[in-house]
């Protein structure tokens, strides 16, 4: 599976990006979604492409220093870890909220039968808030 990317993004700045002649290649939908989230956040000016490339390179270097194989099989796991760290550094999501959402996704994924879409239960707003309600 491949996806089109904005022409202003320099994929050469991304170390070891799995790709073919058409562009990035993904083994699973979540990989494409992690890629798309990164491109979207970049497009919104949250971080520069150089910041992203540096964050990803740091994550790949950390994996290498832990002795993890550099065979590309865990590339998008490192991509996602780099994205989570950059989102935290940029304070887009409070640390505890990010941890809670990661835990919710993990629990939902484990509870979902193979081949079915992973869905989170509806969020309950705190009592006394009017989030999501129209006035």
C-alpha atoms as a PDB file:
ATOM      1  CA  UNK A   1       0.000   0.000   0.000  1.00  0.00           C
ATOM      2  CA  UNK A   2       1.366   3.449  -0.883  1.00  0.00           C
ATOM      3  CA  UNK A   3       0.115   6.988  -0.460  1.00  0.00           C
ATOM      4  CA  UNK A   4       0.766  10.282  -2.160  1.00  0.00           C
ATOM      5  CA  UNK A   5       2.728  12.853  -0.230  1.00  0.00           C
ATOM      6  CA  UNK A   6       2.994  16.607  -0.515  1.00  0.00           C
ATOM      7  CA  UNK A   7       5.844  17.539  -2.892  1.00  0.00           C
ATOM      8  CA  UNK A   8       7.451  19.880  -0.333  1.00  0.00           C
ATOM      9  CA  UNK A   9       8.315  16.980   1.973  1.00  0.00           C
ATOM     10  CA  UNK A  10      11.864  15.726   1.496  1.00  0.00           C
ATOM     11  CA  UNK A  11      11.636  11.984   2.107  1.00  0.00           C
ATOM     12  CA  UNK A  12      15.396  11.736   1.731  1.00  0.00           C
ATOM     13  CA  UNK A  13      15.618  13.372   5.174  1.00  0.00           C
ATOM     14  CA  UNK A  14      13.885  10.357   6.705  1.00  0.00           C
ATOM     15  CA  UNK A  15      16.271   7.547   7.544  1.00  0.00           C
ATOM     16  CA  UNK A  16      15.343   4.074   6.290  1.00  0.00           C
ATOM     17  CA  UNK A  17      11.805   4.988   5.152  1.00  0.00           C
ATOM     18  CA  UNK A  18      10.251   1.869   3.558  1.00  0.00           C
ATOM     19  CA  UNK A  19       9.340   2.933   0.024  1.00  0.00           C
ATOM     20  CA  UNK A  20       9.042   1.915  -3.573  1.00  0.00           C
ATOM     21  CA  UNK A  21       9.131   4.014  -6.746  1.00  0.00           C
ATOM     22  CA  UNK A  22       5.654   5.418  -5.946  1.00  0.00           C
ATOM     23  CA  UNK A  23       6.488   6.536  -2.409  1.00  0.00           C
ATOM     24  CA  UNK A  24       6.172   5.241   1.151  1.00  0.00           C
ATOM     25  CA  UNK A  25       5.052   1.639   1.583  1.00  0.00           C
ATOM     26  CA  UNK A  26       2.976   0.409   4.530  1.00  0.00           C
ATOM     27  CA  UNK A  27       2.353  -3.157   5.718  1.00  0.00           C
ATOM     28  CA  UNK A  28      -0.720  -2.252   7.767  1.00  0.00           C
ATOM     29  CA  UNK A  29      -3.304   0.543   7.856  1.00  0.00           C
ATOM     30  CA  UNK A  30      -2.054   1.860  11.217  1.00  0.00           C
ATOM     31  CA  UNK A  31       1.332   2.554   9.626  1.00  0.00           C
ATOM     32  CA  UNK A  32      -0.288   4.693   6.924  1.00  0.00           C
ATOM     33  CA  UNK A  33      -2.347   6.454   9.577  1.00  0.00           C
ATOM     34  CA  UNK A  34       0.749   7.253  11.670  1.00  0.00           C
ATOM     35  CA  UNK A  35       2.426   8.591   8.523  1.00  0.00           C
ATOM     36  CA  UNK A  36      -0.658  10.675   7.672  1.00  0.00           C
ATOM     37  CA  UNK A  37      -0.882  12.107  11.198  1.00  0.00           C
ATOM     38  CA  UNK A  38       2.739  13.190  10.969  1.00  0.00           C
ATOM     39  CA  UNK A  39       2.262  14.811   7.561  1.00  0.00           C
ATOM     40  CA  UNK A  40      -0.915  16.530   8.806  1.00  0.00           C
ATOM     41  CA  UNK A  41       0.751  17.935  11.929  1.00  0.00           C
ATOM     42  CA  UNK A  42       3.658  19.147   9.812  1.00  0.00           C
ATOM     43  CA  UNK A  43       1.213  20.738   7.374  1.00  0.00           C
ATOM     44  CA  UNK A  44      -0.454  22.586  10.247  1.00  0.00           C
ATOM     45  CA  UNK A  45       2.910  24.054  11.248  1.00  0.00           C
ATOM     46  CA  UNK A  46       3.224  22.082  14.484  1.00  0.00           C
ATOM     47  CA  UNK A  47       6.796  21.082  13.622  1.00  0.00           C
ATOM     48  CA  UNK A  48       9.220  21.444  10.738  1.00  0.00           C
ATOM     49  CA  UNK A  49      10.187  18.521   8.564  1.00  0.00           C
ATOM     50  CA  UNK A  50      13.739  18.839   9.924  1.00  0.00           C
ATOM     51  CA  UNK A  51      12.390  18.568  13.502  1.00  0.00           C
ATOM     52  CA  UNK A  52      10.492  15.453  12.476  1.00  0.00           C
ATOM     53  CA  UNK A  53      13.487  13.871  10.737  1.00  0.00           C
ATOM     54  CA  UNK A  54      15.640  14.569  13.808  1.00  0.00           C
ATOM     55  CA  UNK A  55      13.023  13.072  16.169  1.00  0.00           C
ATOM     56  CA  UNK A  56      12.741   9.937  14.048  1.00  0.00           C
ATOM     57  CA  UNK A  57      16.513   9.614  13.700  1.00  0.00           C
ATOM     58  CA  UNK A  58      16.868   9.894  17.491  1.00  0.00           C
ATOM     59  CA  UNK A  59      14.282   7.146  17.996  1.00  0.00           C
ATOM     60  CA  UNK A  60      15.998   4.868  15.480  1.00  0.00           C
ATOM     61  CA  UNK A  61      19.378   5.539  17.118  1.00  0.00           C
ATOM     62  CA  UNK A  62      17.926   4.725  20.550  1.00  0.00           C
ATOM     63  CA  UNK A  63      16.549   1.444  19.199  1.00  0.00           C
ATOM     64  CA  UNK A  64      19.943   0.620  17.732  1.00  0.00           C
ATOM     65  CA  UNK A  65      21.683   1.390  21.028  1.00  0.00           C
ATOM     66  CA  UNK A  66      19.273  -1.035  22.724  1.00  0.00           C
ATOM     67  CA  UNK A  67      20.493  -3.695  20.302  1.00  0.00           C
ATOM     68  CA  UNK A  68      17.281  -3.901  18.282  1.00  0.00           C
ATOM     69  CA  UNK A  69      17.804  -5.216  14.752  1.00  0.00           C
ATOM     70  CA  UNK A  70      17.931  -2.649  11.954  1.00  0.00           C
ATOM     71  CA  UNK A  71      15.945  -4.728   9.482  1.00  0.00           C
ATOM     72  CA  UNK A  72      13.022  -2.335   9.020  1.00  0.00           C
ATOM     73  CA  UNK A  73      10.466  -4.687  10.559  1.00  0.00           C
ATOM     74  CA  UNK A  74       9.742  -2.261  13.411  1.00  0.00           C
ATOM     75  CA  UNK A  75      10.219   0.996  11.501  1.00  0.00           C
ATOM     76  CA  UNK A  76       6.703   2.335  12.036  1.00  0.00           C
ATOM     77  CA  UNK A  77       6.740   1.355  15.705  1.00  0.00           C
ATOM     78  CA  UNK A  78       9.742   3.680  16.002  1.00  0.00           C
ATOM     79  CA  UNK A  79       7.904   6.224  13.853  1.00  0.00           C
ATOM     80  CA  UNK A  80       4.946   6.160  16.245  1.00  0.00           C
ATOM     81  CA  UNK A  81       7.199   6.420  19.307  1.00  0.00           C
ATOM     82  CA  UNK A  82       8.912   9.457  17.752  1.00  0.00           C
ATOM     83  CA  UNK A  83       5.530  11.023  16.973  1.00  0.00           C
ATOM     84  CA  UNK A  84       4.305  10.483  20.541  1.00  0.00           C
ATOM     85  CA  UNK A  85       7.460  12.099  21.933  1.00  0.00           C
ATOM     86  CA  UNK A  86       7.275  15.064  19.560  1.00  0.00           C
ATOM     87  CA  UNK A  87       3.594  15.598  20.385  1.00  0.00           C
ATOM     88  CA  UNK A  88       4.520  15.583  24.080  1.00  0.00           C
ATOM     89  CA  UNK A  89       7.442  17.998  23.580  1.00  0.00           C
ATOM     90  CA  UNK A  90       5.175  20.347  21.632  1.00  0.00           C
ATOM     91  CA  UNK A  91       2.590  20.026  24.434  1.00  0.00           C
ATOM     92  CA  UNK A  92      -0.196  19.198  21.969  1.00  0.00           C
ATOM     93  CA  UNK A  93      -1.637  16.737  24.456  1.00  0.00           C
ATOM     94  CA  UNK A  94      -1.044  16.711  28.181  1.00  0.00           C
ATOM     95  CA  UNK A  95       1.269  13.851  29.175  1.00  0.00           C
ATOM     96  CA  UNK A  96      -1.318  12.073  31.292  1.00  0.00           C
ATOM     97  CA  UNK A  97      -3.946  12.425  28.568  1.00  0.00           C
ATOM     98  CA  UNK A  98      -1.567  10.926  26.013  1.00  0.00           C
ATOM     99  CA  UNK A  99      -0.777   8.019  28.344  1.00  0.00           C
ATOM    100  CA  UNK A 100      -4.501   7.473  28.967  1.00  0.00           C
ATOM    101  CA  UNK A 101      -5.279   7.441  25.247  1.00  0.00           C
ATOM    102  CA  UNK A 102      -2.406   5.047  24.514  1.00  0.00           C
ATOM    103  CA  UNK A 103      -3.737   2.735  27.223  1.00  0.00           C
ATOM    104  CA  UNK A 104      -7.286   2.981  25.834  1.00  0.00           C
ATOM    105  CA  UNK A 105      -6.107   2.123  22.313  1.00  0.00           C
ATOM    106  CA  UNK A 106      -4.027  -0.763  23.629  1.00  0.00           C
ATOM    107  CA  UNK A 107      -6.982  -2.194  25.580  1.00  0.00           C
ATOM    108  CA  UNK A 108      -9.333  -1.733  22.618  1.00  0.00           C
ATOM    109  CA  UNK A 109      -6.888  -3.403  20.232  1.00  0.00           C
ATOM    110  CA  UNK A 110      -6.445  -6.379  22.547  1.00  0.00           C
ATOM    111  CA  UNK A 111     -10.221  -6.762  22.933  1.00  0.00           C
ATOM    112  CA  UNK A 112     -10.933  -6.550  19.189  1.00  0.00           C
ATOM    113  CA  UNK A 113     -11.170  -9.809  17.221  1.00  0.00           C
ATOM    114  CA  UNK A 114      -8.590 -10.194  14.463  1.00  0.00           C
ATOM    115  CA  UNK A 115      -9.691  -8.559  11.238  1.00  0.00           C
ATOM    116  CA  UNK A 116     -12.230  -6.251  12.880  1.00  0.00           C
ATOM    117  CA  UNK A 117     -11.727  -2.489  13.171  1.00  0.00           C
ATOM    118  CA  UNK A 118     -10.474  -1.238  16.515  1.00  0.00           C
ATOM    119  CA  UNK A 119     -12.931   1.181  18.072  1.00  0.00           C
ATOM    120  CA  UNK A 120     -12.668   3.154  21.268  1.00  0.00           C
ATOM    121  CA  UNK A 121     -15.716   3.387  23.510  1.00  0.00           C
ATOM    122  CA  UNK A 122     -17.428   6.787  23.471  1.00  0.00           C
ATOM    123  CA  UNK A 123     -15.726   9.324  25.714  1.00  0.00           C
ATOM    124  CA  UNK A 124     -17.592  10.482  28.748  1.00  0.00           C
ATOM    125  CA  UNK A 125     -17.175  14.149  29.509  1.00  0.00           C
ATOM    126  CA  UNK A 126     -16.616  15.276  33.054  1.00  0.00           C
ATOM    127  CA  UNK A 127     -19.798  16.253  34.904  1.00  0.00           C
ATOM    128  CA  UNK A 128     -20.509  19.951  34.659  1.00  0.00           C
ATOM    129  CA  UNK A 129     -18.876  20.461  31.272  1.00  0.00           C
ATOM    130  CA  UNK A 130     -20.717  21.270  28.109  1.00  0.00           C
ATOM    131  CA  UNK A 131     -18.135  19.921  25.685  1.00  0.00           C
ATOM    132  CA  UNK A 132     -19.763  18.673  22.555  1.00  0.00           C
ATOM    133  CA  UNK A 133     -23.102  20.285  23.377  1.00  0.00           C
ATOM    134  CA  UNK A 134     -24.486  22.995  21.180  1.00  0.00           C
ATOM    135  CA  UNK A 135     -25.838  26.088  22.883  1.00  0.00           C
END
